[in-house]
Amino acid sequence: MPGGANRDVVTCAICGKPAVRGAVVDAKRGVDAFPFCSFRCQTIDLGKWLSEEYRIPEGDDQSEGVVSVDGDEPGKT
């Protein structure tokens, strides 16, 4: 499509600026940083994962703290 009308545009999760899929942000590398607006924001996000600021919950007990309609916790008799 003319003018790149089919490009995805999202908000960068780190700084809030628009991030465009396919927009080259580093001519040396020739790649984009999508879904981030820049490699700086991409690196900041990676640092948050590596410092465990972001975490994926462990275990398969996703019902912790959930109370059923009758008032009992699931799995308890």
C-alpha atoms as a PDB file:
ATOM      1  CA  MET A   1       0.000   0.000   0.000  1.00  0.00           C
ATOM      2  CA  PRO A   2       1.274   3.467  -0.771  1.00  0.00           C
ATOM      3  CA  GLY A   3       2.775   5.486   2.050  1.00  0.00           C
ATOM      4  CA  GLY A   4       3.084   2.512   4.395  1.00  0.00           C
ATOM      5  CA  ALA A   5      -0.585   2.636   5.407  1.00  0.00           C
ATOM      6  CA  ASN A   6      -0.490  -1.037   6.398  1.00  0.00           C
ATOM      7  CA  ARG A   7       2.238  -0.594   9.033  1.00  0.00           C
ATOM      8  CA  ASP A   8       1.406  -1.468  12.610  1.00  0.00           C
ATOM      9  CA  VAL A   9       1.658   1.410  15.065  1.00  0.00           C
ATOM     10  CA  VAL A  10       1.604   0.819  18.818  1.00  0.00           C
ATOM     11  CA  THR A  11       2.599   2.836  21.876  1.00  0.00           C
ATOM     12  CA  CYS A  12       6.070   2.084  23.244  1.00  0.00           C
ATOM     13  CA  ALA A  13       5.644   0.414  26.647  1.00  0.00           C
ATOM     14  CA  ILE A  14       8.668   2.238  28.078  1.00  0.00           C
ATOM     15  CA  CYS A  15       8.309   5.879  27.003  1.00  0.00           C
ATOM     16  CA  GLY A  16       4.879   6.119  25.374  1.00  0.00           C
ATOM     17  CA  LYS A  17       6.060   7.322  21.969  1.00  0.00           C
ATOM     18  CA  PRO A  18       4.641   5.713  18.815  1.00  0.00           C
ATOM     19  CA  ALA A  19       6.463   2.584  17.657  1.00  0.00           C
ATOM     20  CA  VAL A  20       6.057   1.641  13.989  1.00  0.00           C
ATOM     21  CA  ARG A  21       6.648  -1.901  12.715  1.00  0.00           C
ATOM     22  CA  GLY A  22       9.207  -1.835   9.928  1.00  0.00           C
ATOM     23  CA  ALA A  23      10.558   1.656  10.665  1.00  0.00           C
ATOM     24  CA  VAL A  24      14.354   1.367  10.682  1.00  0.00           C
ATOM     25  CA  VAL A  25      15.644   2.990  13.851  1.00  0.00           C
ATOM     26  CA  ASP A  26      19.279   1.957  13.388  1.00  0.00           C
ATOM     27  CA  ALA A  27      20.719   2.223   9.880  1.00  0.00           C
ATOM     28  CA  LYS A  28      23.840   0.200  10.829  1.00  0.00           C
ATOM     29  CA  ARG A  29      21.762  -2.784  11.912  1.00  0.00           C
ATOM     30  CA  GLY A  30      19.025  -2.162   9.354  1.00  0.00           C
ATOM     31  CA  VAL A  31      16.315  -3.430  11.676  1.00  0.00           C
ATOM     32  CA  ASP A  32      13.514  -2.010  13.735  1.00  0.00           C
ATOM     33  CA  ALA A  33      12.993  -2.178  17.501  1.00  0.00           C
ATOM     34  CA  PHE A  34       9.275  -3.001  17.321  1.00  0.00           C
ATOM     35  CA  PRO A  35       7.280  -3.077  19.598  1.00  0.00           C
ATOM     36  CA  PHE A  36       9.522  -0.379  21.090  1.00  0.00           C
ATOM     37  CA  CYS A  37      10.238   3.011  19.541  1.00  0.00           C
ATOM     38  CA  SER A  38      14.024   2.679  19.817  1.00  0.00           C
ATOM     39  CA  PHE A  39      16.820   0.320  20.782  1.00  0.00           C
ATOM     40  CA  ARG A  40      17.231   2.390  23.960  1.00  0.00           C
ATOM     41  CA  CYS A  41      13.707   1.476  25.082  1.00  0.00           C
ATOM     42  CA  GLN A  42      14.256  -2.122  23.960  1.00  0.00           C
ATOM     43  CA  THR A  43      17.397  -2.281  26.124  1.00  0.00           C
ATOM     44  CA  ILE A  44      15.605  -0.742  29.112  1.00  0.00           C
ATOM     45  CA  ASP A  45      12.915  -3.433  28.826  1.00  0.00           C
ATOM     46  CA  LEU A  46      15.531  -6.184  28.605  1.00  0.00           C
ATOM     47  CA  GLY A  47      17.208  -4.775  31.729  1.00  0.00           C
ATOM     48  CA  LYS A  48      13.902  -4.957  33.598  1.00  0.00           C
ATOM     49  CA  TRP A  49      13.571  -8.649  32.697  1.00  0.00           C
ATOM     50  CA  LEU A  50      17.175  -9.383  33.667  1.00  0.00           C
ATOM     51  CA  SER A  51      16.872  -7.576  37.004  1.00  0.00           C
ATOM     52  CA  GLU A  52      13.644  -9.535  37.669  1.00  0.00           C
ATOM     53  CA  GLU A  53      11.536  -6.381  37.774  1.00  0.00           C
ATOM     54  CA  TYR A  54       9.183  -8.315  35.495  1.00  0.00           C
ATOM     55  CA  ARG A  55       8.282 -11.835  36.573  1.00  0.00           C
ATOM     56  CA  ILE A  56       6.216 -14.695  35.246  1.00  0.00           C
ATOM     57  CA  PRO A  57       4.352 -16.414  38.084  1.00  0.00           C
ATOM     58  CA  GLU A  58       5.702 -19.842  39.008  1.00  0.00           C
ATOM     59  CA  GLY A  59       3.643 -22.978  39.443  1.00  0.00           C
ATOM     60  CA  ASP A  60       0.308 -23.967  38.075  1.00  0.00           C
ATOM     61  CA  ASP A  61      -1.789 -22.896  41.072  1.00  0.00           C
ATOM     62  CA  GLN A  62      -3.514 -19.965  39.416  1.00  0.00           C
ATOM     63  CA  SER A  63      -6.551 -20.217  41.664  1.00  0.00           C
ATOM     64  CA  GLU A  64      -4.721 -18.893  44.741  1.00  0.00           C
ATOM     65  CA  GLY A  65      -6.938 -16.436  46.555  1.00  0.00           C
ATOM     66  CA  VAL A  66      -9.983 -17.283  44.425  1.00  0.00           C
ATOM     67  CA  VAL A  67     -13.160 -17.848  46.384  1.00  0.00           C
ATOM     68  CA  SER A  68     -16.010 -19.883  44.917  1.00  0.00           C
ATOM     69  CA  VAL A  69     -19.632 -18.760  44.911  1.00  0.00           C
ATOM     70  CA  ASP A  70     -20.404 -20.752  48.093  1.00  0.00           C
ATOM     71  CA  GLY A  71     -17.603 -18.937  49.955  1.00  0.00           C
ATOM     72  CA  ASP A  72     -15.128 -21.824  50.139  1.00  0.00           C
ATOM     73  CA  GLU A  73     -11.698 -21.744  48.578  1.00  0.00           C
ATOM     74  CA  PRO A  74     -11.477 -24.066  45.556  1.00  0.00           C
ATOM     75  CA  GLY A  75      -9.853 -27.405  46.277  1.00  0.00           C
ATOM     76  CA  LYS A  76     -10.606 -27.279  50.012  1.00  0.00           C
ATOM     77  CA  THR A  77     -13.103 -29.665  51.546  1.00  0.00           C
END
